[in-house]
Amino acid sequence: HLIATKKYVYKVEVDGTINYLGEA
C-alpha cells in the first residue's frame, strides 16, 4: 500500500514493513 502525504511518499510492504520512497 502506497501512502502519499503532502510532502512524502511511503510504501507499506505485505509484511507490514514501511519504506520511505522520497519526496511527494
PDBML (XML) file of the C-alpha atoms, coordinates in Angstrom:
<?xml version="1.0" encoding="UTF-8" ?>
<PDBx:datablock datablockName="MODEL"
   xmlns:PDBx="http://pdbml.pdb.org/schema/pdbx-v50.xsd"
   xmlns:xsi="http://www.w3.org/2001/XMLSchema-instance"
   xsi:schemaLocation="http://pdbml.pdb.org/schema/pdbx-v50.xsd pdbx-v50.xsd">
   <PDBx:atom_siteCategory>
      <PDBx:atom_site id="1">
         <PDBx:B_iso_or_equiv>0.00</PDBx:B_iso_or_equiv>
         <PDBx:Cartn_x>0.000</PDBx:Cartn_x>
         <PDBx:Cartn_y>0.000</PDBx:Cartn_y>
         <PDBx:Cartn_z>0.000</PDBx:Cartn_z>
         <PDBx:auth_asym_id>A</PDBx:auth_asym_id>
         <PDBx:auth_atom_id>CA</PDBx:auth_atom_id>
         <PDBx:auth_comp_id>HIS</PDBx:auth_comp_id>
         <PDBx:auth_seq_id>1</PDBx:auth_seq_id>
         <PDBx:group_PDB>ATOM</PDBx:group_PDB>
         <PDBx:label_alt_id xsi:nil="true" />
         <PDBx:label_asym_id>A</PDBx:label_asym_id>
         <PDBx:label_atom_id>CA</PDBx:label_atom_id>
         <PDBx:label_comp_id>HIS</PDBx:label_comp_id>
         <PDBx:label_entity_id>1</PDBx:label_entity_id>
         <PDBx:label_seq_id>1</PDBx:label_seq_id>
         <PDBx:occupancy>1.00</PDBx:occupancy>
         <PDBx:pdbx_PDB_model_num>1</PDBx:pdbx_PDB_model_num>
         <PDBx:type_symbol>C</PDBx:type_symbol>
      </PDBx:atom_site>
      <PDBx:atom_site id="2">
         <PDBx:B_iso_or_equiv>0.00</PDBx:B_iso_or_equiv>
         <PDBx:Cartn_x>1.354</PDBx:Cartn_x>
         <PDBx:Cartn_y>3.418</PDBx:Cartn_y>
         <PDBx:Cartn_z>-1.018</PDBx:Cartn_z>
         <PDBx:auth_asym_id>A</PDBx:auth_asym_id>
         <PDBx:auth_atom_id>CA</PDBx:auth_atom_id>
         <PDBx:auth_comp_id>LEU</PDBx:auth_comp_id>
         <PDBx:auth_seq_id>2</PDBx:auth_seq_id>
         <PDBx:group_PDB>ATOM</PDBx:group_PDB>
         <PDBx:label_alt_id xsi:nil="true" />
         <PDBx:label_asym_id>A</PDBx:label_asym_id>
         <PDBx:label_atom_id>CA</PDBx:label_atom_id>
         <PDBx:label_comp_id>LEU</PDBx:label_comp_id>
         <PDBx:label_entity_id>1</PDBx:label_entity_id>
         <PDBx:label_seq_id>2</PDBx:label_seq_id>
         <PDBx:occupancy>1.00</PDBx:occupancy>
         <PDBx:pdbx_PDB_model_num>1</PDBx:pdbx_PDB_model_num>
         <PDBx:type_symbol>C</PDBx:type_symbol>
      </PDBx:atom_site>
      <PDBx:atom_site id="3">
         <PDBx:B_iso_or_equiv>0.00</PDBx:B_iso_or_equiv>
         <PDBx:Cartn_x>0.708</PDBx:Cartn_x>
         <PDBx:Cartn_y>6.470</PDBx:Cartn_y>
         <PDBx:Cartn_z>1.140</PDBx:Cartn_z>
         <PDBx:auth_asym_id>A</PDBx:auth_asym_id>
         <PDBx:auth_atom_id>CA</PDBx:auth_atom_id>
         <PDBx:auth_comp_id>ILE</PDBx:auth_comp_id>
         <PDBx:auth_seq_id>3</PDBx:auth_seq_id>
         <PDBx:group_PDB>ATOM</PDBx:group_PDB>
         <PDBx:label_alt_id xsi:nil="true" />
         <PDBx:label_asym_id>A</PDBx:label_asym_id>
         <PDBx:label_atom_id>CA</PDBx:label_atom_id>
         <PDBx:label_comp_id>ILE</PDBx:label_comp_id>
         <PDBx:label_entity_id>1</PDBx:label_entity_id>
         <PDBx:label_seq_id>3</PDBx:label_seq_id>
         <PDBx:occupancy>1.00</PDBx:occupancy>
         <PDBx:pdbx_PDB_model_num>1</PDBx:pdbx_PDB_model_num>
         <PDBx:type_symbol>C</PDBx:type_symbol>
      </PDBx:atom_site>
      <PDBx:atom_site id="4">
         <PDBx:B_iso_or_equiv>0.00</PDBx:B_iso_or_equiv>
         <PDBx:Cartn_x>1.250</PDBx:Cartn_x>
         <PDBx:Cartn_y>9.967</PDBx:Cartn_y>
         <PDBx:Cartn_z>-0.210</PDBx:Cartn_z>
         <PDBx:auth_asym_id>A</PDBx:auth_asym_id>
         <PDBx:auth_atom_id>CA</PDBx:auth_atom_id>
         <PDBx:auth_comp_id>ALA</PDBx:auth_comp_id>
         <PDBx:auth_seq_id>4</PDBx:auth_seq_id>
         <PDBx:group_PDB>ATOM</PDBx:group_PDB>
         <PDBx:label_alt_id xsi:nil="true" />
         <PDBx:label_asym_id>A</PDBx:label_asym_id>
         <PDBx:label_atom_id>CA</PDBx:label_atom_id>
         <PDBx:label_comp_id>ALA</PDBx:label_comp_id>
         <PDBx:label_entity_id>1</PDBx:label_entity_id>
         <PDBx:label_seq_id>4</PDBx:label_seq_id>
         <PDBx:occupancy>1.00</PDBx:occupancy>
         <PDBx:pdbx_PDB_model_num>1</PDBx:pdbx_PDB_model_num>
         <PDBx:type_symbol>C</PDBx:type_symbol>
      </PDBx:atom_site>
      <PDBx:atom_site id="5">
         <PDBx:B_iso_or_equiv>0.00</PDBx:B_iso_or_equiv>
         <PDBx:Cartn_x>1.304</PDBx:Cartn_x>
         <PDBx:Cartn_y>12.774</PDBx:Cartn_y>
         <PDBx:Cartn_z>2.345</PDBx:Cartn_z>
         <PDBx:auth_asym_id>A</PDBx:auth_asym_id>
         <PDBx:auth_atom_id>CA</PDBx:auth_atom_id>
         <PDBx:auth_comp_id>THR</PDBx:auth_comp_id>
         <PDBx:auth_seq_id>5</PDBx:auth_seq_id>
         <PDBx:group_PDB>ATOM</PDBx:group_PDB>
         <PDBx:label_alt_id xsi:nil="true" />
         <PDBx:label_asym_id>A</PDBx:label_asym_id>
         <PDBx:label_atom_id>CA</PDBx:label_atom_id>
         <PDBx:label_comp_id>THR</PDBx:label_comp_id>
         <PDBx:label_entity_id>1</PDBx:label_entity_id>
         <PDBx:label_seq_id>5</PDBx:label_seq_id>
         <PDBx:occupancy>1.00</PDBx:occupancy>
         <PDBx:pdbx_PDB_model_num>1</PDBx:pdbx_PDB_model_num>
         <PDBx:type_symbol>C</PDBx:type_symbol>
      </PDBx:atom_site>
      <PDBx:atom_site id="6">
         <PDBx:B_iso_or_equiv>0.00</PDBx:B_iso_or_equiv>
         <PDBx:Cartn_x>1.662</PDBx:Cartn_x>
         <PDBx:Cartn_y>16.438</PDBx:Cartn_y>
         <PDBx:Cartn_z>1.494</PDBx:Cartn_z>
         <PDBx:auth_asym_id>A</PDBx:auth_asym_id>
         <PDBx:auth_atom_id>CA</PDBx:auth_atom_id>
         <PDBx:auth_comp_id>LYS</PDBx:auth_comp_id>
         <PDBx:auth_seq_id>6</PDBx:auth_seq_id>
         <PDBx:group_PDB>ATOM</PDBx:group_PDB>
         <PDBx:label_alt_id xsi:nil="true" />
         <PDBx:label_asym_id>A</PDBx:label_asym_id>
         <PDBx:label_atom_id>CA</PDBx:label_atom_id>
         <PDBx:label_comp_id>LYS</PDBx:label_comp_id>
         <PDBx:label_entity_id>1</PDBx:label_entity_id>
         <PDBx:label_seq_id>6</PDBx:label_seq_id>
         <PDBx:occupancy>1.00</PDBx:occupancy>
         <PDBx:pdbx_PDB_model_num>1</PDBx:pdbx_PDB_model_num>
         <PDBx:type_symbol>C</PDBx:type_symbol>
      </PDBx:atom_site>
      <PDBx:atom_site id="7">
         <PDBx:B_iso_or_equiv>0.00</PDBx:B_iso_or_equiv>
         <PDBx:Cartn_x>5.454</PDBx:Cartn_x>
         <PDBx:Cartn_y>16.136</PDBx:Cartn_y>
         <PDBx:Cartn_z>1.473</PDBx:Cartn_z>
         <PDBx:auth_asym_id>A</PDBx:auth_asym_id>
         <PDBx:auth_atom_id>CA</PDBx:auth_atom_id>
         <PDBx:auth_comp_id>LYS</PDBx:auth_comp_id>
         <PDBx:auth_seq_id>7</PDBx:auth_seq_id>
         <PDBx:group_PDB>ATOM</PDBx:group_PDB>
         <PDBx:label_alt_id xsi:nil="true" />
         <PDBx:label_asym_id>A</PDBx:label_asym_id>
         <PDBx:label_atom_id>CA</PDBx:label_atom_id>
         <PDBx:label_comp_id>LYS</PDBx:label_comp_id>
         <PDBx:label_entity_id>1</PDBx:label_entity_id>
         <PDBx:label_seq_id>7</PDBx:label_seq_id>
         <PDBx:occupancy>1.00</PDBx:occupancy>
         <PDBx:pdbx_PDB_model_num>1</PDBx:pdbx_PDB_model_num>
         <PDBx:type_symbol>C</PDBx:type_symbol>
      </PDBx:atom_site>
      <PDBx:atom_site id="8">
         <PDBx:B_iso_or_equiv>0.00</PDBx:B_iso_or_equiv>
         <PDBx:Cartn_x>6.426</PDBx:Cartn_x>
         <PDBx:Cartn_y>12.470</PDBx:Cartn_y>
         <PDBx:Cartn_z>1.332</PDBx:Cartn_z>
         <PDBx:auth_asym_id>A</PDBx:auth_asym_id>
         <PDBx:auth_atom_id>CA</PDBx:auth_atom_id>
         <PDBx:auth_comp_id>TYR</PDBx:auth_comp_id>
         <PDBx:auth_seq_id>8</PDBx:auth_seq_id>
         <PDBx:group_PDB>ATOM</PDBx:group_PDB>
         <PDBx:label_alt_id xsi:nil="true" />
         <PDBx:label_asym_id>A</PDBx:label_asym_id>
         <PDBx:label_atom_id>CA</PDBx:label_atom_id>
         <PDBx:label_comp_id>TYR</PDBx:label_comp_id>
         <PDBx:label_entity_id>1</PDBx:label_entity_id>
         <PDBx:label_seq_id>8</PDBx:label_seq_id>
         <PDBx:occupancy>1.00</PDBx:occupancy>
         <PDBx:pdbx_PDB_model_num>1</PDBx:pdbx_PDB_model_num>
         <PDBx:type_symbol>C</PDBx:type_symbol>
      </PDBx:atom_site>
      <PDBx:atom_site id="9">
         <PDBx:B_iso_or_equiv>0.00</PDBx:B_iso_or_equiv>
         <PDBx:Cartn_x>5.578</PDBx:Cartn_x>
         <PDBx:Cartn_y>9.060</PDBx:Cartn_y>
         <PDBx:Cartn_z>-0.106</PDBx:Cartn_z>
         <PDBx:auth_asym_id>A</PDBx:auth_asym_id>
         <PDBx:auth_atom_id>CA</PDBx:auth_atom_id>
         <PDBx:auth_comp_id>VAL</PDBx:auth_comp_id>
         <PDBx:auth_seq_id>9</PDBx:auth_seq_id>
         <PDBx:group_PDB>ATOM</PDBx:group_PDB>
         <PDBx:label_alt_id xsi:nil="true" />
         <PDBx:label_asym_id>A</PDBx:label_asym_id>
         <PDBx:label_atom_id>CA</PDBx:label_atom_id>
         <PDBx:label_comp_id>VAL</PDBx:label_comp_id>
         <PDBx:label_entity_id>1</PDBx:label_entity_id>
         <PDBx:label_seq_id>9</PDBx:label_seq_id>
         <PDBx:occupancy>1.00</PDBx:occupancy>
         <PDBx:pdbx_PDB_model_num>1</PDBx:pdbx_PDB_model_num>
         <PDBx:type_symbol>C</PDBx:type_symbol>
      </PDBx:atom_site>
      <PDBx:atom_site id="10">
         <PDBx:B_iso_or_equiv>0.00</PDBx:B_iso_or_equiv>
         <PDBx:Cartn_x>5.815</PDBx:Cartn_x>
         <PDBx:Cartn_y>5.797</PDBx:Cartn_y>
         <PDBx:Cartn_z>1.838</PDBx:Cartn_z>
         <PDBx:auth_asym_id>A</PDBx:auth_asym_id>
         <PDBx:auth_atom_id>CA</PDBx:auth_atom_id>
         <PDBx:auth_comp_id>TYR</PDBx:auth_comp_id>
         <PDBx:auth_seq_id>10</PDBx:auth_seq_id>
         <PDBx:group_PDB>ATOM</PDBx:group_PDB>
         <PDBx:label_alt_id xsi:nil="true" />
         <PDBx:label_asym_id>A</PDBx:label_asym_id>
         <PDBx:label_atom_id>CA</PDBx:label_atom_id>
         <PDBx:label_comp_id>TYR</PDBx:label_comp_id>
         <PDBx:label_entity_id>1</PDBx:label_entity_id>
         <PDBx:label_seq_id>10</PDBx:label_seq_id>
         <PDBx:occupancy>1.00</PDBx:occupancy>
         <PDBx:pdbx_PDB_model_num>1</PDBx:pdbx_PDB_model_num>
         <PDBx:type_symbol>C</PDBx:type_symbol>
      </PDBx:atom_site>
      <PDBx:atom_site id="11">
         <PDBx:B_iso_or_equiv>0.00</PDBx:B_iso_or_equiv>
         <PDBx:Cartn_x>5.166</PDBx:Cartn_x>
         <PDBx:Cartn_y>2.160</PDBx:Cartn_y>
         <PDBx:Cartn_z>0.990</PDBx:Cartn_z>
         <PDBx:auth_asym_id>A</PDBx:auth_asym_id>
         <PDBx:auth_atom_id>CA</PDBx:auth_atom_id>
         <PDBx:auth_comp_id>LYS</PDBx:auth_comp_id>
         <PDBx:auth_seq_id>11</PDBx:auth_seq_id>
         <PDBx:group_PDB>ATOM</PDBx:group_PDB>
         <PDBx:label_alt_id xsi:nil="true" />
         <PDBx:label_asym_id>A</PDBx:label_asym_id>
         <PDBx:label_atom_id>CA</PDBx:label_atom_id>
         <PDBx:label_comp_id>LYS</PDBx:label_comp_id>
         <PDBx:label_entity_id>1</PDBx:label_entity_id>
         <PDBx:label_seq_id>11</PDBx:label_seq_id>
         <PDBx:occupancy>1.00</PDBx:occupancy>
         <PDBx:pdbx_PDB_model_num>1</PDBx:pdbx_PDB_model_num>
         <PDBx:type_symbol>C</PDBx:type_symbol>
      </PDBx:atom_site>
      <PDBx:atom_site id="12">
         <PDBx:B_iso_or_equiv>0.00</PDBx:B_iso_or_equiv>
         <PDBx:Cartn_x>3.809</PDBx:Cartn_x>
         <PDBx:Cartn_y>-0.438</PDBx:Cartn_y>
         <PDBx:Cartn_z>3.398</PDBx:Cartn_z>
         <PDBx:auth_asym_id>A</PDBx:auth_asym_id>
         <PDBx:auth_atom_id>CA</PDBx:auth_atom_id>
         <PDBx:auth_comp_id>VAL</PDBx:auth_comp_id>
         <PDBx:auth_seq_id>12</PDBx:auth_seq_id>
         <PDBx:group_PDB>ATOM</PDBx:group_PDB>
         <PDBx:label_alt_id xsi:nil="true" />
         <PDBx:label_asym_id>A</PDBx:label_asym_id>
         <PDBx:label_atom_id>CA</PDBx:label_atom_id>
         <PDBx:label_comp_id>VAL</PDBx:label_comp_id>
         <PDBx:label_entity_id>1</PDBx:label_entity_id>
         <PDBx:label_seq_id>12</PDBx:label_seq_id>
         <PDBx:occupancy>1.00</PDBx:occupancy>
         <PDBx:pdbx_PDB_model_num>1</PDBx:pdbx_PDB_model_num>
         <PDBx:type_symbol>C</PDBx:type_symbol>
      </PDBx:atom_site>
      <PDBx:atom_site id="13">
         <PDBx:B_iso_or_equiv>0.00</PDBx:B_iso_or_equiv>
         <PDBx:Cartn_x>5.010</PDBx:Cartn_x>
         <PDBx:Cartn_y>-3.878</PDBx:Cartn_y>
         <PDBx:Cartn_z>2.328</PDBx:Cartn_z>
         <PDBx:auth_asym_id>A</PDBx:auth_asym_id>
         <PDBx:auth_atom_id>CA</PDBx:auth_atom_id>
         <PDBx:auth_comp_id>GLU</PDBx:auth_comp_id>
         <PDBx:auth_seq_id>13</PDBx:auth_seq_id>
         <PDBx:group_PDB>ATOM</PDBx:group_PDB>
         <PDBx:label_alt_id xsi:nil="true" />
         <PDBx:label_asym_id>A</PDBx:label_asym_id>
         <PDBx:label_atom_id>CA</PDBx:label_atom_id>
         <PDBx:label_comp_id>GLU</PDBx:label_comp_id>
         <PDBx:label_entity_id>1</PDBx:label_entity_id>
         <PDBx:label_seq_id>13</PDBx:label_seq_id>
         <PDBx:occupancy>1.00</PDBx:occupancy>
         <PDBx:pdbx_PDB_model_num>1</PDBx:pdbx_PDB_model_num>
         <PDBx:type_symbol>C</PDBx:type_symbol>
      </PDBx:atom_site>
      <PDBx:atom_site id="14">
         <PDBx:B_iso_or_equiv>0.00</PDBx:B_iso_or_equiv>
         <PDBx:Cartn_x>2.887</PDBx:Cartn_x>
         <PDBx:Cartn_y>-7.009</PDBx:Cartn_y>
         <PDBx:Cartn_z>2.718</PDBx:Cartn_z>
         <PDBx:auth_asym_id>A</PDBx:auth_asym_id>
         <PDBx:auth_atom_id>CA</PDBx:auth_atom_id>
         <PDBx:auth_comp_id>VAL</PDBx:auth_comp_id>
         <PDBx:auth_seq_id>14</PDBx:auth_seq_id>
         <PDBx:group_PDB>ATOM</PDBx:group_PDB>
         <PDBx:label_alt_id xsi:nil="true" />
         <PDBx:label_asym_id>A</PDBx:label_asym_id>
         <PDBx:label_atom_id>CA</PDBx:label_atom_id>
         <PDBx:label_comp_id>VAL</PDBx:label_comp_id>
         <PDBx:label_entity_id>1</PDBx:label_entity_id>
         <PDBx:label_seq_id>14</PDBx:label_seq_id>
         <PDBx:occupancy>1.00</PDBx:occupancy>
         <PDBx:pdbx_PDB_model_num>1</PDBx:pdbx_PDB_model_num>
         <PDBx:type_symbol>C</PDBx:type_symbol>
      </PDBx:atom_site>
      <PDBx:atom_site id="15">
         <PDBx:B_iso_or_equiv>0.00</PDBx:B_iso_or_equiv>
         <PDBx:Cartn_x>4.745</PDBx:Cartn_x>
         <PDBx:Cartn_y>-7.926</PDBx:Cartn_y>
         <PDBx:Cartn_z>5.944</PDBx:Cartn_z>
         <PDBx:auth_asym_id>A</PDBx:auth_asym_id>
         <PDBx:auth_atom_id>CA</PDBx:auth_atom_id>
         <PDBx:auth_comp_id>ASP</PDBx:auth_comp_id>
         <PDBx:auth_seq_id>15</PDBx:auth_seq_id>
         <PDBx:group_PDB>ATOM</PDBx:group_PDB>
         <PDBx:label_alt_id xsi:nil="true" />
         <PDBx:label_asym_id>A</PDBx:label_asym_id>
         <PDBx:label_atom_id>CA</PDBx:label_atom_id>
         <PDBx:label_comp_id>ASP</PDBx:label_comp_id>
         <PDBx:label_entity_id>1</PDBx:label_entity_id>
         <PDBx:label_seq_id>15</PDBx:label_seq_id>
         <PDBx:occupancy>1.00</PDBx:occupancy>
         <PDBx:pdbx_PDB_model_num>1</PDBx:pdbx_PDB_model_num>
         <PDBx:type_symbol>C</PDBx:type_symbol>
      </PDBx:atom_site>
      <PDBx:atom_site id="16">
         <PDBx:B_iso_or_equiv>0.00</PDBx:B_iso_or_equiv>
         <PDBx:Cartn_x>3.986</PDBx:Cartn_x>
         <PDBx:Cartn_y>-4.508</PDBx:Cartn_y>
         <PDBx:Cartn_z>7.450</PDBx:Cartn_z>
         <PDBx:auth_asym_id>A</PDBx:auth_asym_id>
         <PDBx:auth_atom_id>CA</PDBx:auth_atom_id>
         <PDBx:auth_comp_id>GLY</PDBx:auth_comp_id>
         <PDBx:auth_seq_id>16</PDBx:auth_seq_id>
         <PDBx:group_PDB>ATOM</PDBx:group_PDB>
         <PDBx:label_alt_id xsi:nil="true" />
         <PDBx:label_asym_id>A</PDBx:label_asym_id>
         <PDBx:label_atom_id>CA</PDBx:label_atom_id>
         <PDBx:label_comp_id>GLY</PDBx:label_comp_id>
         <PDBx:label_entity_id>1</PDBx:label_entity_id>
         <PDBx:label_seq_id>16</PDBx:label_seq_id>
         <PDBx:occupancy>1.00</PDBx:occupancy>
         <PDBx:pdbx_PDB_model_num>1</PDBx:pdbx_PDB_model_num>
         <PDBx:type_symbol>C</PDBx:type_symbol>
      </PDBx:atom_site>
      <PDBx:atom_site id="17">
         <PDBx:B_iso_or_equiv>0.00</PDBx:B_iso_or_equiv>
         <PDBx:Cartn_x>7.450</PDBx:Cartn_x>
         <PDBx:Cartn_y>-3.033</PDBx:Cartn_y>
         <PDBx:Cartn_z>6.915</PDBx:Cartn_z>
         <PDBx:auth_asym_id>A</PDBx:auth_asym_id>
         <PDBx:auth_atom_id>CA</PDBx:auth_atom_id>
         <PDBx:auth_comp_id>THR</PDBx:auth_comp_id>
         <PDBx:auth_seq_id>17</PDBx:auth_seq_id>
         <PDBx:group_PDB>ATOM</PDBx:group_PDB>
         <PDBx:label_alt_id xsi:nil="true" />
         <PDBx:label_asym_id>A</PDBx:label_asym_id>
         <PDBx:label_atom_id>CA</PDBx:label_atom_id>
         <PDBx:label_comp_id>THR</PDBx:label_comp_id>
         <PDBx:label_entity_id>1</PDBx:label_entity_id>
         <PDBx:label_seq_id>17</PDBx:label_seq_id>
         <PDBx:occupancy>1.00</PDBx:occupancy>
         <PDBx:pdbx_PDB_model_num>1</PDBx:pdbx_PDB_model_num>
         <PDBx:type_symbol>C</PDBx:type_symbol>
      </PDBx:atom_site>
      <PDBx:atom_site id="18">
         <PDBx:B_iso_or_equiv>0.00</PDBx:B_iso_or_equiv>
         <PDBx:Cartn_x>7.296</PDBx:Cartn_x>
         <PDBx:Cartn_y>0.648</PDBx:Cartn_y>
         <PDBx:Cartn_z>5.932</PDBx:Cartn_z>
         <PDBx:auth_asym_id>A</PDBx:auth_asym_id>
         <PDBx:auth_atom_id>CA</PDBx:auth_atom_id>
         <PDBx:auth_comp_id>ILE</PDBx:auth_comp_id>
         <PDBx:auth_seq_id>18</PDBx:auth_seq_id>
         <PDBx:group_PDB>ATOM</PDBx:group_PDB>
         <PDBx:label_alt_id xsi:nil="true" />
         <PDBx:label_asym_id>A</PDBx:label_asym_id>
         <PDBx:label_atom_id>CA</PDBx:label_atom_id>
         <PDBx:label_comp_id>ILE</PDBx:label_comp_id>
         <PDBx:label_entity_id>1</PDBx:label_entity_id>
         <PDBx:label_seq_id>18</PDBx:label_seq_id>
         <PDBx:occupancy>1.00</PDBx:occupancy>
         <PDBx:pdbx_PDB_model_num>1</PDBx:pdbx_PDB_model_num>
         <PDBx:type_symbol>C</PDBx:type_symbol>
      </PDBx:atom_site>
      <PDBx:atom_site id="19">
         <PDBx:B_iso_or_equiv>0.00</PDBx:B_iso_or_equiv>
         <PDBx:Cartn_x>9.748</PDBx:Cartn_x>
         <PDBx:Cartn_y>2.125</PDBx:Cartn_y>
         <PDBx:Cartn_z>3.429</PDBx:Cartn_z>
         <PDBx:auth_asym_id>A</PDBx:auth_asym_id>
         <PDBx:auth_atom_id>CA</PDBx:auth_atom_id>
         <PDBx:auth_comp_id>ASN</PDBx:auth_comp_id>
         <PDBx:auth_seq_id>19</PDBx:auth_seq_id>
         <PDBx:group_PDB>ATOM</PDBx:group_PDB>
         <PDBx:label_alt_id xsi:nil="true" />
         <PDBx:label_asym_id>A</PDBx:label_asym_id>
         <PDBx:label_atom_id>CA</PDBx:label_atom_id>
         <PDBx:label_comp_id>ASN</PDBx:label_comp_id>
         <PDBx:label_entity_id>1</PDBx:label_entity_id>
         <PDBx:label_seq_id>19</PDBx:label_seq_id>
         <PDBx:occupancy>1.00</PDBx:occupancy>
         <PDBx:pdbx_PDB_model_num>1</PDBx:pdbx_PDB_model_num>
         <PDBx:type_symbol>C</PDBx:type_symbol>
      </PDBx:atom_site>
      <PDBx:atom_site id="20">
         <PDBx:B_iso_or_equiv>0.00</PDBx:B_iso_or_equiv>
         <PDBx:Cartn_x>10.229</PDBx:Cartn_x>
         <PDBx:Cartn_y>5.805</PDBx:Cartn_y>
         <PDBx:Cartn_z>2.718</PDBx:Cartn_z>
         <PDBx:auth_asym_id>A</PDBx:auth_asym_id>
         <PDBx:auth_atom_id>CA</PDBx:auth_atom_id>
         <PDBx:auth_comp_id>TYR</PDBx:auth_comp_id>
         <PDBx:auth_seq_id>20</PDBx:auth_seq_id>
         <PDBx:group_PDB>ATOM</PDBx:group_PDB>
         <PDBx:label_alt_id xsi:nil="true" />
         <PDBx:label_asym_id>A</PDBx:label_asym_id>
         <PDBx:label_atom_id>CA</PDBx:label_atom_id>
         <PDBx:label_comp_id>TYR</PDBx:label_comp_id>
         <PDBx:label_entity_id>1</PDBx:label_entity_id>
         <PDBx:label_seq_id>20</PDBx:label_seq_id>
         <PDBx:occupancy>1.00</PDBx:occupancy>
         <PDBx:pdbx_PDB_model_num>1</PDBx:pdbx_PDB_model_num>
         <PDBx:type_symbol>C</PDBx:type_symbol>
      </PDBx:atom_site>
      <PDBx:atom_site id="21">
         <PDBx:B_iso_or_equiv>0.00</PDBx:B_iso_or_equiv>
         <PDBx:Cartn_x>10.219</PDBx:Cartn_x>
         <PDBx:Cartn_y>6.315</PDBx:Cartn_y>
         <PDBx:Cartn_z>-1.069</PDBx:Cartn_z>
         <PDBx:auth_asym_id>A</PDBx:auth_asym_id>
         <PDBx:auth_atom_id>CA</PDBx:auth_atom_id>
         <PDBx:auth_comp_id>LEU</PDBx:auth_comp_id>
         <PDBx:auth_seq_id>21</PDBx:auth_seq_id>
         <PDBx:group_PDB>ATOM</PDBx:group_PDB>
         <PDBx:label_alt_id xsi:nil="true" />
         <PDBx:label_asym_id>A</PDBx:label_asym_id>
         <PDBx:label_atom_id>CA</PDBx:label_atom_id>
         <PDBx:label_comp_id>LEU</PDBx:label_comp_id>
         <PDBx:label_entity_id>1</PDBx:label_entity_id>
         <PDBx:label_seq_id>21</PDBx:label_seq_id>
         <PDBx:occupancy>1.00</PDBx:occupancy>
         <PDBx:pdbx_PDB_model_num>1</PDBx:pdbx_PDB_model_num>
         <PDBx:type_symbol>C</PDBx:type_symbol>
      </PDBx:atom_site>
      <PDBx:atom_site id="22">
         <PDBx:B_iso_or_equiv>0.00</PDBx:B_iso_or_equiv>
         <PDBx:Cartn_x>11.005</PDBx:Cartn_x>
         <PDBx:Cartn_y>10.024</PDBx:Cartn_y>
         <PDBx:Cartn_z>-1.350</PDBx:Cartn_z>
         <PDBx:auth_asym_id>A</PDBx:auth_asym_id>
         <PDBx:auth_atom_id>CA</PDBx:auth_atom_id>
         <PDBx:auth_comp_id>GLY</PDBx:auth_comp_id>
         <PDBx:auth_seq_id>22</PDBx:auth_seq_id>
         <PDBx:group_PDB>ATOM</PDBx:group_PDB>
         <PDBx:label_alt_id xsi:nil="true" />
         <PDBx:label_asym_id>A</PDBx:label_asym_id>
         <PDBx:label_atom_id>CA</PDBx:label_atom_id>
         <PDBx:label_comp_id>GLY</PDBx:label_comp_id>
         <PDBx:label_entity_id>1</PDBx:label_entity_id>
         <PDBx:label_seq_id>22</PDBx:label_seq_id>
         <PDBx:occupancy>1.00</PDBx:occupancy>
         <PDBx:pdbx_PDB_model_num>1</PDBx:pdbx_PDB_model_num>
         <PDBx:type_symbol>C</PDBx:type_symbol>
      </PDBx:atom_site>
      <PDBx:atom_site id="23">
         <PDBx:B_iso_or_equiv>0.00</PDBx:B_iso_or_equiv>
         <PDBx:Cartn_x>9.522</PDBx:Cartn_x>
         <PDBx:Cartn_y>13.483</PDBx:Cartn_y>
         <PDBx:Cartn_z>-1.604</PDBx:Cartn_z>
         <PDBx:auth_asym_id>A</PDBx:auth_asym_id>
         <PDBx:auth_atom_id>CA</PDBx:auth_atom_id>
         <PDBx:auth_comp_id>GLU</PDBx:auth_comp_id>
         <PDBx:auth_seq_id>23</PDBx:auth_seq_id>
         <PDBx:group_PDB>ATOM</PDBx:group_PDB>
         <PDBx:label_alt_id xsi:nil="true" />
         <PDBx:label_asym_id>A</PDBx:label_asym_id>
         <PDBx:label_atom_id>CA</PDBx:label_atom_id>
         <PDBx:label_comp_id>GLU</PDBx:label_comp_id>
         <PDBx:label_entity_id>1</PDBx:label_entity_id>
         <PDBx:label_seq_id>23</PDBx:label_seq_id>
         <PDBx:occupancy>1.00</PDBx:occupancy>
         <PDBx:pdbx_PDB_model_num>1</PDBx:pdbx_PDB_model_num>
         <PDBx:type_symbol>C</PDBx:type_symbol>
      </PDBx:atom_site>
      <PDBx:atom_site id="24">
         <PDBx:B_iso_or_equiv>0.00</PDBx:B_iso_or_equiv>
         <PDBx:Cartn_x>5.997</PDBx:Cartn_x>
         <PDBx:Cartn_y>13.695</PDBx:Cartn_y>
         <PDBx:Cartn_z>-2.989</PDBx:Cartn_z>
         <PDBx:auth_asym_id>A</PDBx:auth_asym_id>
         <PDBx:auth_atom_id>CA</PDBx:auth_atom_id>
         <PDBx:auth_comp_id>ALA</PDBx:auth_comp_id>
         <PDBx:auth_seq_id>24</PDBx:auth_seq_id>
         <PDBx:group_PDB>ATOM</PDBx:group_PDB>
         <PDBx:label_alt_id xsi:nil="true" />
         <PDBx:label_asym_id>A</PDBx:label_asym_id>
         <PDBx:label_atom_id>CA</PDBx:label_atom_id>
         <PDBx:label_comp_id>ALA</PDBx:label_comp_id>
         <PDBx:label_entity_id>1</PDBx:label_entity_id>
         <PDBx:label_seq_id>24</PDBx:label_seq_id>
         <PDBx:occupancy>1.00</PDBx:occupancy>
         <PDBx:pdbx_PDB_model_num>1</PDBx:pdbx_PDB_model_num>
         <PDBx:type_symbol>C</PDBx:type_symbol>
      </PDBx:atom_site>
   </PDBx:atom_siteCategory>
</PDBx:datablock>
